[in-house]
């Protein structure tokens, strides 16, 4: 799910082939999909503005940190742009309620590209702390947007926001207890829980799932997330002030 820190962190990395076009073409695909299902022009304009502002902010942060947006980060930037399009659709909750297949398809594209940026980071030795954090925050943003969409479309109650807020609550807790911000070892369990969160939210947004089943799916995602965070907190507590084993 994420590209992790490695020795090549400061190595110059340039996007190759047509990868640099993805941050434009992928969000444009999302815009076209919303336009085809009758999204309001104001929603489409909001999507363009959000995607452009997000891209500018990310490039600014990368520049300030000395990170370079290589192939992997170009794909992550494309994912972020598509999340911005999904976020703009929140201004029109009917899209989440009546165009579930379109919203679900765009969300699944964000999820599918998650595997691509990680592969590119490993394949071209572009691993960096910035890239890993960027990738993680895009995942968190996607989950938060889908939670808001499910609630706004009356597909789930307000409690669904707990799924999206868990990550941000963890960051807030880390500002109080710094040992929570220590690096964690790679975890298949953590990746699996993330995929299940997105999958459950996507299923709920489609017409496939009725209300009782939707609640069960979302509750299972929330329980899995709480358990996963609990295991991570326990690991960090046991290893606080100790270097991460490599």
Protein backbone atom coordinates (compact mmCIF):
# COMPACT_ATOMS: atom_id res chain seq x y z
CA UNK A 1 0.00 0.00 0.00
CA UNK A 2 2.84 2.37 0.67
CA UNK A 3 6.36 2.83 -0.62
CA UNK A 4 8.70 2.84 2.30
CA UNK A 5 11.89 4.68 3.15
CA UNK A 6 15.10 3.34 1.62
CA UNK A 7 18.65 4.33 0.81
CA UNK A 8 17.66 6.04 -2.43
CA UNK A 9 15.50 8.62 -0.67
CA UNK A 10 17.50 11.58 -1.95
CA UNK A 11 18.30 10.17 -5.35
CA UNK A 12 16.94 12.30 -8.20
CA UNK A 13 13.87 10.70 -9.70
CA UNK A 14 12.16 11.76 -12.89
CA UNK A 15 8.90 10.55 -14.30
CA UNK A 16 9.38 8.46 -17.40
CA UNK A 17 7.23 7.81 -20.44
CA UNK A 18 3.69 9.10 -20.10
CA UNK A 19 3.54 8.73 -16.32
CA UNK A 20 3.74 12.48 -15.85
CA UNK A 21 0.39 12.79 -17.68
CA UNK A 22 -1.46 10.68 -15.12
CA UNK A 23 -2.07 13.52 -12.61
CA UNK A 24 -4.06 15.21 -15.39
CA UNK A 25 -5.67 12.29 -17.24
CA UNK A 26 -6.87 10.31 -14.22
CA UNK A 27 -8.78 13.19 -12.55
CA UNK A 28 -10.06 14.17 -16.02
CA UNK A 29 -11.45 10.64 -16.36
CA UNK A 30 -13.25 11.13 -13.05
CA UNK A 31 -14.65 14.46 -14.22
CA UNK A 32 -15.87 12.90 -17.47
CA UNK A 33 -17.57 10.09 -15.54
CA UNK A 34 -19.41 12.57 -13.31
CA UNK A 35 -20.40 14.68 -16.31
CA UNK A 36 -21.82 11.62 -18.10
CA UNK A 37 -24.11 10.82 -15.16
CA UNK A 38 -25.41 14.38 -15.04
CA UNK A 39 -23.38 16.03 -12.30
CA UNK A 40 -24.13 19.70 -11.76
CA UNK A 41 -21.67 22.08 -13.50
CA UNK A 42 -20.88 23.63 -10.12
CA UNK A 43 -19.84 20.19 -8.86
CA UNK A 44 -17.55 19.73 -11.86
CA UNK A 45 -15.98 23.17 -11.40
CA UNK A 46 -15.46 22.41 -7.71
CA UNK A 47 -13.74 19.16 -8.66
CA UNK A 48 -11.37 20.97 -11.02
CA UNK A 49 -10.56 23.57 -8.37
CA UNK A 50 -10.01 21.00 -5.61
CA UNK A 51 -7.79 18.80 -7.78
CA UNK A 52 -5.71 21.78 -8.95
CA UNK A 53 -5.30 23.20 -5.44
CA UNK A 54 -4.38 19.79 -4.05
CA UNK A 55 -1.78 19.19 -6.77
CA UNK A 56 -0.25 22.62 -6.19
CA UNK A 57 -0.13 22.07 -2.42
CA UNK A 58 1.52 18.66 -2.78
CA UNK A 59 4.14 19.96 -5.21
CA UNK A 60 4.87 22.83 -2.82
CA UNK A 61 5.25 20.46 0.15
CA UNK A 62 7.51 18.17 -1.90
CA UNK A 63 9.67 21.13 -2.92
CA UNK A 64 9.96 22.39 0.65
CA UNK A 65 10.96 18.95 1.93
CA UNK A 66 13.48 18.40 -0.85
CA UNK A 67 11.55 15.39 -2.16
CA UNK A 68 11.27 14.70 -5.88
CA UNK A 69 8.03 13.55 -7.47
CA UNK A 70 9.21 10.57 -9.49
CA UNK A 71 7.18 7.92 -11.30
CA UNK A 72 5.60 6.49 -8.16
CA UNK A 73 4.63 9.87 -6.75
CA UNK A 74 3.15 10.92 -10.11
CA UNK A 75 0.77 7.96 -9.80
CA UNK A 76 0.02 8.89 -6.18
CA UNK A 77 -0.64 12.46 -7.34
CA UNK A 78 -3.10 11.08 -9.89
CA UNK A 79 -4.81 9.12 -7.11
CA UNK A 80 -5.01 12.29 -4.99
CA UNK A 81 -6.61 14.16 -7.88
CA UNK A 82 -9.26 11.48 -8.26
CA UNK A 83 -9.97 11.60 -4.52
CA UNK A 84 -10.47 15.37 -4.95
CA UNK A 85 -13.05 14.63 -7.67
CA UNK A 86 -14.87 12.24 -5.32
CA UNK A 87 -14.72 14.88 -2.59
CA UNK A 88 -16.31 17.46 -4.89
CA UNK A 89 -19.14 15.01 -5.55
CA UNK A 90 -20.07 15.41 -1.87
CA UNK A 91 -21.59 18.78 -2.82
CA UNK A 92 -24.19 16.70 -4.67
CA UNK A 93 -25.11 13.78 -2.33
CA UNK A 94 -27.51 12.38 -4.93
CA UNK A 95 -24.46 11.23 -6.90
CA UNK A 96 -23.52 8.90 -4.05
CA UNK A 97 -27.13 7.78 -3.63
CA UNK A 98 -28.20 7.37 -7.28
CA UNK A 99 -24.92 6.88 -9.18
CA UNK A 100 -23.32 4.33 -6.89
CA UNK A 101 -21.69 2.34 -9.67
CA UNK A 102 -19.91 5.41 -11.03
CA UNK A 103 -18.67 6.50 -7.60
CA UNK A 104 -17.65 2.93 -6.77
CA UNK A 105 -15.77 2.59 -10.05
CA UNK A 106 -13.77 5.75 -9.42
CA UNK A 107 -12.98 4.67 -5.86
CA UNK A 108 -11.82 1.27 -7.09
CA UNK A 109 -9.56 2.99 -9.62
CA UNK A 110 -7.94 4.91 -6.76
CA UNK A 111 -7.47 1.60 -4.93
CA UNK A 112 -6.07 -0.18 -8.01
CA UNK A 113 -3.53 2.58 -8.66
CA UNK A 114 -2.36 2.16 -5.07
CA UNK A 115 -0.68 -1.06 -6.11
CA UNK A 116 0.89 0.64 -9.13
CA UNK A 117 2.66 3.43 -7.23
CA UNK A 118 4.10 0.96 -4.73
CA UNK A 119 5.38 -1.27 -7.55
CA UNK A 120 6.94 1.70 -9.34
CA UNK A 121 8.64 2.87 -6.15
CA UNK A 122 10.26 -0.54 -5.72
CA UNK A 123 10.97 -1.10 -9.42
CA UNK A 124 12.72 2.23 -9.96
CA UNK A 125 14.20 2.59 -6.48
CA UNK A 126 12.19 5.72 -5.70
CA UNK A 127 11.32 4.90 -2.10
CA UNK A 128 11.15 7.89 0.24
CA UNK A 129 9.59 8.95 3.51
CA UNK A 130 7.69 11.68 1.65
CA UNK A 131 6.32 9.16 -0.87
CA UNK A 132 5.26 6.73 1.84
CA UNK A 133 3.50 9.45 3.84
CA UNK A 134 1.89 10.89 0.70
CA UNK A 135 0.56 7.47 -0.27
CA UNK A 136 -0.79 6.86 3.22
CA UNK A 137 -2.59 10.20 3.39
CA UNK A 138 -4.24 9.60 0.00
CA UNK A 139 -5.57 6.29 1.34
CA UNK A 140 -6.85 8.05 4.47
CA UNK A 141 -8.41 10.80 2.37
CA UNK A 142 -10.21 8.30 0.14
CA UNK A 143 -11.65 6.49 3.16
CA UNK A 144 -12.79 9.77 4.76
CA UNK A 145 -14.47 10.93 1.55
CA UNK A 146 -16.30 7.62 1.11
CA UNK A 147 -17.47 7.75 4.73
CA UNK A 148 -18.82 11.26 4.19
CA UNK A 149 -20.48 10.15 0.96
CA UNK A 150 -22.17 7.17 2.59
CA UNK A 151 -23.49 9.40 5.38
CA UNK A 152 -24.57 12.26 3.09
CA UNK A 153 -26.49 9.82 0.87
CA UNK A 154 -28.21 8.27 3.93
CA UNK A 155 -26.55 4.94 3.21
CA UNK A 156 -25.08 4.83 6.72
CA UNK A 157 -25.47 6.68 10.00
CA UNK A 158 -23.05 9.31 11.34
CA UNK A 159 -21.13 6.58 13.17
CA UNK A 160 -19.56 5.60 9.83
CA UNK A 161 -17.35 8.68 10.18
CA UNK A 162 -15.47 6.84 12.94
CA UNK A 163 -13.85 4.74 10.20
CA UNK A 164 -12.49 7.81 8.44
CA UNK A 165 -11.61 9.75 11.58
CA UNK A 166 -9.58 6.97 13.20
CA UNK A 167 -6.41 7.86 11.28
CA UNK A 168 -6.69 11.55 12.17
CA UNK A 169 -7.44 10.72 15.79
CA UNK A 170 -4.24 8.68 15.85
CA UNK A 171 -2.26 11.66 14.50
CA UNK A 172 -3.83 13.91 17.14
CA UNK A 173 -2.91 11.42 19.86
CA UNK A 174 0.66 11.33 18.53
CA UNK A 175 0.92 15.08 19.11
CA UNK A 176 0.24 14.40 22.80
CA UNK A 177 2.24 11.17 23.10
CA UNK A 178 5.20 11.46 20.67
CA UNK A 179 6.07 7.77 20.97
CA UNK A 180 2.99 7.07 18.81
CA UNK A 181 4.73 8.75 15.86
CA UNK A 182 7.61 6.26 15.82
CA UNK A 183 7.93 4.22 12.60
CA UNK A 184 6.08 0.92 12.43
CA UNK A 185 7.34 -2.21 10.69
CA UNK A 186 5.64 -3.23 7.47
CA UNK A 187 2.42 -5.13 8.05
CA UNK A 188 0.27 -7.20 5.70
CA UNK A 189 -2.48 -6.99 8.31
CA UNK A 190 -2.47 -3.19 8.10
CA UNK A 191 -2.69 -3.31 4.29
CA UNK A 192 -5.50 -5.86 4.43
CA UNK A 193 -7.53 -3.75 6.86
CA UNK A 194 -7.12 -0.70 4.60
CA UNK A 195 -8.29 -2.63 1.54
CA UNK A 196 -11.27 -4.00 3.46
CA UNK A 197 -12.29 -0.52 4.64
CA UNK A 198 -12.39 0.75 1.06
CA UNK A 199 -14.06 -2.43 -0.21
CA UNK A 200 -16.79 -2.27 2.44
CA UNK A 201 -17.47 1.40 1.74
CA UNK A 202 -17.56 0.79 -2.01
CA UNK A 203 -20.00 -2.10 -1.60
CA UNK A 204 -22.28 0.04 0.55
CA UNK A 205 -22.35 2.77 -2.09
CA UNK A 206 -23.37 0.35 -4.86
CA UNK A 207 -26.99 -0.86 -5.24
CA UNK A 208 -25.82 -4.39 -4.38
CA UNK A 209 -26.15 -3.99 -0.63
CA UNK A 210 -29.25 -3.23 1.44
CA UNK A 211 -29.37 -1.39 4.74
CA UNK A 212 -28.89 -4.30 7.22
CA UNK A 213 -26.01 -5.78 5.22
CA UNK A 214 -24.43 -2.35 4.82
CA UNK A 215 -24.35 -1.87 8.57
CA UNK A 216 -22.74 -5.28 9.06
CA UNK A 217 -20.07 -4.58 6.43
CA UNK A 218 -19.22 -1.16 7.85
CA UNK A 219 -19.21 -2.43 11.42
CA UNK A 220 -16.78 -5.19 10.42
CA UNK A 221 -14.53 -2.56 8.82
CA UNK A 222 -14.65 -0.43 11.96
CA UNK A 223 -13.95 -3.35 14.29
CA UNK A 224 -11.03 -4.49 12.12
CA UNK A 225 -9.64 -0.96 12.10
CA UNK A 226 -9.92 -0.58 15.89
CA UNK A 227 -8.17 -3.92 16.42
CA UNK A 228 -5.44 -3.01 13.92
CA UNK A 229 -4.80 0.35 15.58
CA UNK A 230 -4.83 -1.36 18.96
CA UNK A 231 -2.13 -3.80 17.86
CA UNK A 232 -0.03 -0.94 16.45
CA UNK A 233 -0.38 1.10 19.65
CA UNK A 234 0.59 -1.92 21.73
CA UNK A 235 3.66 -2.51 19.54
CA UNK A 236 4.70 1.15 19.78
CA UNK A 237 4.23 1.11 23.55
CA UNK A 238 6.43 -1.95 23.92
CA UNK A 239 9.13 -0.50 21.66
CA UNK A 240 9.05 3.17 22.67
CA UNK A 241 12.49 4.77 22.85
CA UNK A 242 13.89 1.73 21.01
CA UNK A 243 15.09 1.84 17.37
CA UNK A 244 12.95 -0.01 14.86
CA UNK A 245 14.49 -3.36 14.05
CA UNK A 246 15.48 -3.71 10.42
